[in-house]
Amino acid sequence: MNIDEVLKAASVIPVLKVERLEDAEPLAEALSAGGFRVVELTLRSDCALDAVKLMQDAAPDLVLGMGTVRRRYQA
C-alpha cells in the first residue's frame, strides 16, 4: 500500500501510545471493529515494537504505521 492509498483509506488517523503490552490486542480489535483502517503507533514506550506485532496479529485489516522513529533498528 503506498501513501496515497493509505490516505484514501482513512479520513482520520489516530495516533496512539501503547504503554502496556496487554492493551495492544484489545485496542487493535476495538479500533478495527469501530471502522478504523489506519492507525499510527508512536515508539515512545518500551513495549511499542512488541505492541505493533500484537496489534497486527489481532487485527490484520489495520494498516499500522509507526511514528517517532529515532533509531535504525526501529525502522
N, C-alpha and C. Protein backbone atom coordinates (compact mmCIF):
# COMPACT_ATOMS: atom_id res chain seq x y z
N MET A 1 0.86 -1.17 0.00
CA MET A 1 0.00 0.00 0.00
C MET A 1 0.91 1.23 0.00
N ASN A 2 0.70 2.14 -0.96
CA ASN A 2 1.50 3.36 -0.98
C ASN A 2 0.82 4.46 -0.17
N ILE A 3 1.49 5.59 0.01
CA ILE A 3 0.97 6.64 0.87
C ILE A 3 -0.35 7.21 0.37
N ASP A 4 -0.54 7.31 -0.92
CA ASP A 4 -1.81 7.81 -1.46
C ASP A 4 -2.96 6.86 -1.09
N GLU A 5 -2.72 5.56 -1.19
CA GLU A 5 -3.74 4.58 -0.83
C GLU A 5 -4.05 4.62 0.67
N VAL A 6 -3.02 4.82 1.47
CA VAL A 6 -3.23 4.92 2.92
C VAL A 6 -4.10 6.12 3.25
N LEU A 7 -3.79 7.25 2.66
CA LEU A 7 -4.55 8.46 2.94
C LEU A 7 -5.99 8.37 2.44
N LYS A 8 -6.21 7.68 1.35
CA LYS A 8 -7.58 7.49 0.85
C LYS A 8 -8.37 6.53 1.74
N ALA A 9 -7.68 5.62 2.40
CA ALA A 9 -8.35 4.63 3.24
C ALA A 9 -8.78 5.20 4.59
N ALA A 10 -8.28 6.39 4.93
CA ALA A 10 -8.56 6.91 6.27
C ALA A 10 -8.80 8.41 6.24
N SER A 11 -9.97 8.81 6.71
CA SER A 11 -10.22 10.24 6.85
C SER A 11 -9.66 10.74 8.18
N VAL A 12 -9.51 9.84 9.14
CA VAL A 12 -8.93 10.14 10.45
C VAL A 12 -7.90 9.06 10.75
N ILE A 13 -6.71 9.47 11.19
CA ILE A 13 -5.68 8.52 11.57
C ILE A 13 -5.35 8.75 13.05
N PRO A 14 -5.82 7.87 13.93
CA PRO A 14 -5.48 8.02 15.34
C PRO A 14 -3.99 7.79 15.57
N VAL A 15 -3.41 8.58 16.44
CA VAL A 15 -2.02 8.42 16.84
C VAL A 15 -2.04 7.96 18.30
N LEU A 16 -1.47 6.79 18.54
CA LEU A 16 -1.59 6.14 19.84
C LEU A 16 -0.25 5.85 20.47
N LYS A 17 -0.22 5.88 21.78
CA LYS A 17 0.94 5.42 22.55
C LYS A 17 0.46 4.27 23.44
N VAL A 18 0.98 3.08 23.19
CA VAL A 18 0.62 1.92 23.99
C VAL A 18 1.70 1.75 25.07
N GLU A 19 1.31 1.90 26.31
CA GLU A 19 2.26 1.81 27.41
C GLU A 19 2.25 0.44 28.09
N ARG A 20 1.17 -0.31 27.90
CA ARG A 20 1.08 -1.65 28.49
C ARG A 20 0.81 -2.65 27.38
N LEU A 21 1.67 -3.62 27.25
CA LEU A 21 1.57 -4.60 26.18
C LEU A 21 0.23 -5.31 26.18
N GLU A 22 -0.34 -5.54 27.35
CA GLU A 22 -1.62 -6.25 27.42
C GLU A 22 -2.78 -5.44 26.83
N ASP A 23 -2.56 -4.17 26.57
CA ASP A 23 -3.60 -3.33 25.95
C ASP A 23 -3.59 -3.40 24.42
N ALA A 24 -2.52 -3.90 23.84
CA ALA A 24 -2.33 -3.84 22.39
C ALA A 24 -3.42 -4.60 21.62
N GLU A 25 -3.64 -5.85 21.94
CA GLU A 25 -4.61 -6.65 21.19
C GLU A 25 -6.04 -6.12 21.32
N PRO A 26 -6.54 -5.88 22.54
CA PRO A 26 -7.91 -5.37 22.62
C PRO A 26 -8.08 -4.00 21.96
N LEU A 27 -7.05 -3.18 22.01
CA LEU A 27 -7.10 -1.88 21.36
C LEU A 27 -7.22 -2.04 19.85
N ALA A 28 -6.42 -2.91 19.27
CA ALA A 28 -6.47 -3.15 17.83
C ALA A 28 -7.84 -3.69 17.42
N GLU A 29 -8.35 -4.62 18.19
CA GLU A 29 -9.66 -5.20 17.87
C GLU A 29 -10.76 -4.14 17.96
N ALA A 30 -10.70 -3.28 18.96
CA ALA A 30 -11.71 -2.23 19.11
C ALA A 30 -11.62 -1.21 17.98
N LEU A 31 -10.41 -0.82 17.60
CA LEU A 31 -10.25 0.13 16.50
C LEU A 31 -10.80 -0.45 15.20
N SER A 32 -10.47 -1.70 14.94
CA SER A 32 -10.94 -2.37 13.73
C SER A 32 -12.46 -2.48 13.74
N ALA A 33 -13.03 -2.91 14.87
CA ALA A 33 -14.48 -3.04 14.98
C ALA A 33 -15.17 -1.68 14.83
N GLY A 34 -14.48 -0.62 15.23
CA GLY A 34 -15.04 0.73 15.12
C GLY A 34 -14.91 1.34 13.74
N GLY A 35 -14.31 0.61 12.82
CA GLY A 35 -14.23 1.08 11.44
C GLY A 35 -12.95 1.79 11.06
N PHE A 36 -11.98 1.83 11.96
CA PHE A 36 -10.71 2.46 11.61
C PHE A 36 -9.92 1.52 10.71
N ARG A 37 -9.23 2.09 9.74
CA ARG A 37 -8.41 1.29 8.83
C ARG A 37 -6.92 1.56 9.01
N VAL A 38 -6.57 2.78 9.41
CA VAL A 38 -5.18 3.20 9.52
C VAL A 38 -4.94 3.76 10.92
N VAL A 39 -3.85 3.32 11.55
CA VAL A 39 -3.50 3.76 12.90
C VAL A 39 -2.00 4.00 12.94
N GLU A 40 -1.60 5.07 13.62
CA GLU A 40 -0.18 5.29 13.86
C GLU A 40 0.11 4.98 15.32
N LEU A 41 1.14 4.19 15.56
CA LEU A 41 1.56 3.85 16.90
C LEU A 41 2.91 4.51 17.13
N THR A 42 3.00 5.35 18.18
CA THR A 42 4.28 6.01 18.47
C THR A 42 5.25 5.01 19.08
N LEU A 43 6.51 5.31 18.95
CA LEU A 43 7.54 4.46 19.53
C LEU A 43 8.09 5.10 20.81
N ARG A 44 7.22 5.72 21.56
CA ARG A 44 7.62 6.40 22.78
C ARG A 44 7.42 5.57 24.05
N SER A 45 7.23 4.28 23.90
CA SER A 45 7.13 3.41 25.08
C SER A 45 8.05 2.21 24.89
N ASP A 46 8.40 1.59 25.99
CA ASP A 46 9.31 0.45 25.94
C ASP A 46 8.74 -0.75 25.21
N CYS A 47 7.42 -0.86 25.16
CA CYS A 47 6.79 -2.04 24.55
C CYS A 47 6.27 -1.77 23.14
N ALA A 48 6.55 -0.62 22.58
CA ALA A 48 5.94 -0.22 21.31
C ALA A 48 6.18 -1.21 20.17
N LEU A 49 7.40 -1.66 20.00
CA LEU A 49 7.68 -2.58 18.88
C LEU A 49 6.95 -3.90 19.05
N ASP A 50 6.88 -4.40 20.27
CA ASP A 50 6.12 -5.62 20.53
C ASP A 50 4.63 -5.38 20.33
N ALA A 51 4.16 -4.19 20.70
CA ALA A 51 2.74 -3.86 20.55
C ALA A 51 2.34 -3.83 19.09
N VAL A 52 3.20 -3.34 18.22
CA VAL A 52 2.90 -3.32 16.78
C VAL A 52 2.62 -4.73 16.28
N LYS A 53 3.46 -5.67 16.66
CA LYS A 53 3.29 -7.06 16.22
C LYS A 53 1.98 -7.64 16.75
N LEU A 54 1.70 -7.43 18.04
CA LEU A 54 0.46 -7.96 18.62
C LEU A 54 -0.77 -7.34 17.97
N MET A 55 -0.70 -6.05 17.71
CA MET A 55 -1.84 -5.37 17.09
C MET A 55 -2.08 -5.87 15.68
N GLN A 56 -1.01 -6.07 14.92
CA GLN A 56 -1.16 -6.57 13.55
C GLN A 56 -1.74 -7.98 13.54
N ASP A 57 -1.30 -8.81 14.47
CA ASP A 57 -1.83 -10.18 14.57
C ASP A 57 -3.30 -10.17 14.97
N ALA A 58 -3.67 -9.26 15.87
CA ALA A 58 -5.05 -9.20 16.38
C ALA A 58 -6.02 -8.62 15.37
N ALA A 59 -5.54 -7.71 14.52
CA ALA A 59 -6.42 -7.04 13.55
C ALA A 59 -5.65 -6.85 12.24
N PRO A 60 -5.51 -7.92 11.45
CA PRO A 60 -4.72 -7.85 10.23
C PRO A 60 -5.24 -6.86 9.19
N ASP A 61 -6.49 -6.42 9.33
CA ASP A 61 -7.04 -5.45 8.39
C ASP A 61 -6.57 -4.02 8.67
N LEU A 62 -6.01 -3.78 9.86
CA LEU A 62 -5.50 -2.46 10.18
C LEU A 62 -4.17 -2.21 9.46
N VAL A 63 -4.00 -1.01 8.97
CA VAL A 63 -2.71 -0.57 8.45
C VAL A 63 -2.04 0.17 9.60
N LEU A 64 -0.96 -0.40 10.11
CA LEU A 64 -0.26 0.18 11.26
C LEU A 64 1.00 0.89 10.81
N GLY A 65 1.05 2.17 11.12
CA GLY A 65 2.26 2.94 10.87
C GLY A 65 2.96 3.19 12.19
N MET A 66 4.23 3.46 12.11
CA MET A 66 5.00 3.74 13.32
C MET A 66 5.54 5.15 13.25
N GLY A 67 5.42 5.86 14.35
CA GLY A 67 5.92 7.22 14.42
C GLY A 67 7.01 7.35 15.47
N THR A 68 7.65 8.49 15.46
CA THR A 68 8.73 8.78 16.38
C THR A 68 9.89 7.80 16.19
N VAL A 69 10.18 7.46 14.95
CA VAL A 69 11.29 6.55 14.65
C VAL A 69 12.58 7.35 14.82
N ARG A 70 13.40 6.93 15.75
CA ARG A 70 14.64 7.66 16.04
C ARG A 70 15.90 6.83 15.81
N ARG A 71 15.75 5.53 15.79
CA ARG A 71 16.91 4.66 15.65
C ARG A 71 16.70 3.73 14.45
N ARG A 72 17.78 3.34 13.85
CA ARG A 72 17.72 2.48 12.66
C ARG A 72 16.97 1.18 12.94
N TYR A 73 17.18 0.55 14.08
CA TYR A 73 16.53 -0.73 14.38
C TYR A 73 15.01 -0.58 14.49
N GLN A 74 14.52 0.61 14.82
CA GLN A 74 13.09 0.82 14.93
C GLN A 74 12.41 0.79 13.56
N ALA A 75 13.11 1.20 12.55
CA ALA A 75 12.55 1.21 11.19
C ALA A 75 12.43 -0.19 10.67
